[in-house]
Amino acid sequence: MRSFLMPLLSFCLLLPLAACSSDEVQCTTIAAVSVTVTVVDGTGAAVTDAELEYTVNGSAAKPCEQVIENTYDCGVEEAGDFVITATRDMATKTANVTVTSDECHVIGQALTITID
């Protein structure tokens, strides 16, 4: 019985070390925003009344979410070629950005759109 326990004990002690090898990626469960957009006017003042939407790789347009004053989140864990359109009154501005991803999450991008 004792000869059986020693190898088992050794295995159980070494297993956590093997699980922590540098080759293993530890992903979080937190979802990453694809693109964070700040909207300003020509003077640099915050624009809080713009409507933003985005497409990814030519897909149907989806709305961006206004999170704080003039900051909008466009997409969550979506990678690809984004086209982001901001509309305010009669003015429209478009910005393009490519979002890539690693084995866990998208690599979020940030941009500023100036619209009057």
Protein backbone atom coordinates (compact mmCIF):
# COMPACT_ATOMS: atom_id res chain seq x y z
CA MET A 1 0.00 0.00 0.00
CA ARG A 2 2.82 2.38 0.87
CA SER A 3 4.56 1.82 -2.47
CA PHE A 4 1.34 2.85 -4.22
CA LEU A 5 0.90 6.08 -2.21
CA MET A 6 4.36 7.54 -2.84
CA PRO A 7 4.06 7.73 -6.66
CA LEU A 8 0.49 8.99 -6.33
CA LEU A 9 1.56 11.65 -3.87
CA SER A 10 4.42 12.71 -6.12
CA PHE A 11 2.05 12.92 -9.11
CA CYS A 12 -0.44 15.04 -7.17
CA LEU A 13 2.28 17.43 -6.03
CA LEU A 14 3.77 17.86 -9.52
CA LEU A 15 0.48 18.18 -11.40
CA PRO A 16 -0.15 21.81 -10.36
CA LEU A 17 3.34 22.75 -11.50
CA ALA A 18 2.73 21.24 -14.92
CA ALA A 19 -0.56 23.12 -15.21
CA CYS A 20 1.28 26.41 -14.67
CA SER A 21 3.78 25.98 -17.47
CA SER A 22 4.63 29.13 -19.42
CA ASP A 23 3.08 27.68 -22.59
CA GLU A 24 -0.42 27.59 -21.14
CA VAL A 25 -2.59 30.67 -21.68
CA GLN A 26 -4.89 31.74 -18.89
CA CYS A 27 -7.87 33.59 -20.40
CA THR A 28 -10.20 35.75 -18.34
CA THR A 29 -13.98 35.63 -18.59
CA ILE A 30 -14.21 39.41 -18.98
CA ALA A 31 -15.53 40.43 -22.40
CA ALA A 32 -13.39 43.00 -24.23
CA VAL A 33 -14.81 45.97 -26.11
CA SER A 34 -13.76 45.96 -29.75
CA VAL A 35 -13.62 49.72 -30.39
CA THR A 36 -13.95 52.64 -27.98
CA VAL A 37 -14.83 55.89 -29.73
CA THR A 38 -14.53 59.40 -28.34
CA VAL A 39 -16.58 62.03 -30.17
CA VAL A 40 -15.57 65.70 -30.16
CA ASP A 41 -16.37 68.81 -32.16
CA GLY A 42 -13.92 70.96 -34.12
CA THR A 43 -12.78 72.74 -30.95
CA GLY A 44 -12.18 69.48 -29.08
CA ALA A 45 -15.26 69.83 -26.89
CA ALA A 46 -17.18 66.69 -26.00
CA VAL A 47 -20.10 65.81 -28.30
CA THR A 48 -22.76 63.96 -26.31
CA ASP A 49 -25.64 63.94 -28.78
CA ALA A 50 -24.18 61.95 -31.68
CA GLU A 51 -25.58 58.64 -32.87
CA LEU A 52 -22.98 55.98 -33.68
CA GLU A 53 -23.28 52.69 -35.49
CA TYR A 54 -20.78 50.19 -36.84
CA THR A 55 -20.39 47.34 -39.28
CA VAL A 56 -17.83 44.54 -39.22
CA ASN A 57 -16.62 43.03 -42.48
CA GLY A 58 -19.62 44.47 -44.33
CA SER A 59 -22.25 43.04 -41.97
CA ALA A 60 -25.50 44.77 -41.06
CA ALA A 61 -25.12 47.96 -39.04
CA LYS A 62 -25.38 47.76 -35.25
CA PRO A 63 -25.64 50.62 -32.75
CA CYS A 64 -22.71 51.62 -30.56
CA GLU A 65 -23.45 52.04 -26.87
CA GLN A 66 -22.89 55.45 -25.29
CA VAL A 67 -21.15 54.67 -22.01
CA ILE A 68 -19.89 57.98 -20.62
CA GLU A 69 -20.68 61.43 -22.01
CA ASN A 70 -18.90 61.41 -25.39
CA THR A 71 -17.50 57.86 -25.22
CA TYR A 72 -19.08 54.98 -27.11
CA ASP A 73 -18.37 51.25 -27.17
CA CYS A 74 -18.72 49.58 -30.56
CA GLY A 75 -18.77 45.80 -30.50
CA VAL A 76 -17.84 43.27 -27.84
CA GLU A 77 -15.43 40.48 -28.73
CA GLU A 78 -15.89 41.18 -32.44
CA ALA A 79 -12.81 41.16 -34.65
CA GLY A 80 -12.52 42.34 -38.24
CA ASP A 81 -12.68 45.49 -40.34
CA PHE A 82 -14.92 48.03 -38.61
CA VAL A 83 -16.61 50.97 -40.29
CA ILE A 84 -17.94 53.34 -37.63
CA THR A 85 -20.36 56.10 -38.59
CA ALA A 86 -21.16 59.07 -36.34
CA THR A 87 -24.17 61.25 -37.12
CA ARG A 88 -25.05 64.54 -35.48
CA ASP A 89 -27.76 66.78 -36.89
CA MET A 90 -26.99 66.79 -40.63
CA ALA A 91 -23.28 65.94 -40.30
CA THR A 92 -21.88 62.44 -40.77
CA LYS A 93 -18.32 61.20 -40.24
CA THR A 94 -16.95 57.74 -40.88
CA ALA A 95 -13.86 56.05 -39.46
CA ASN A 96 -12.26 52.71 -40.29
CA VAL A 97 -10.29 50.49 -37.94
CA THR A 98 -9.20 46.87 -37.94
CA VAL A 99 -9.62 44.87 -34.74
CA THR A 100 -7.57 41.73 -34.28
CA SER A 101 -7.70 39.09 -31.57
CA ASP A 102 -5.42 36.74 -29.70
CA GLU A 103 -6.29 33.31 -28.34
CA CYS A 104 -8.48 34.86 -25.64
CA HIS A 105 -9.93 38.23 -26.61
CA VAL A 106 -10.02 40.99 -29.18
CA ILE A 107 -7.30 43.60 -29.01
CA GLY A 108 -9.45 46.67 -28.37
CA GLN A 109 -8.87 49.80 -30.43
CA ALA A 110 -9.55 53.42 -29.50
CA LEU A 111 -10.24 56.28 -31.85
CA THR A 112 -11.56 59.81 -31.90
CA ILE A 113 -14.12 61.11 -34.36
CA THR A 114 -14.42 64.86 -34.87
CA ILE A 115 -17.87 65.99 -35.98
CA ASP A 116 -19.48 69.43 -36.00
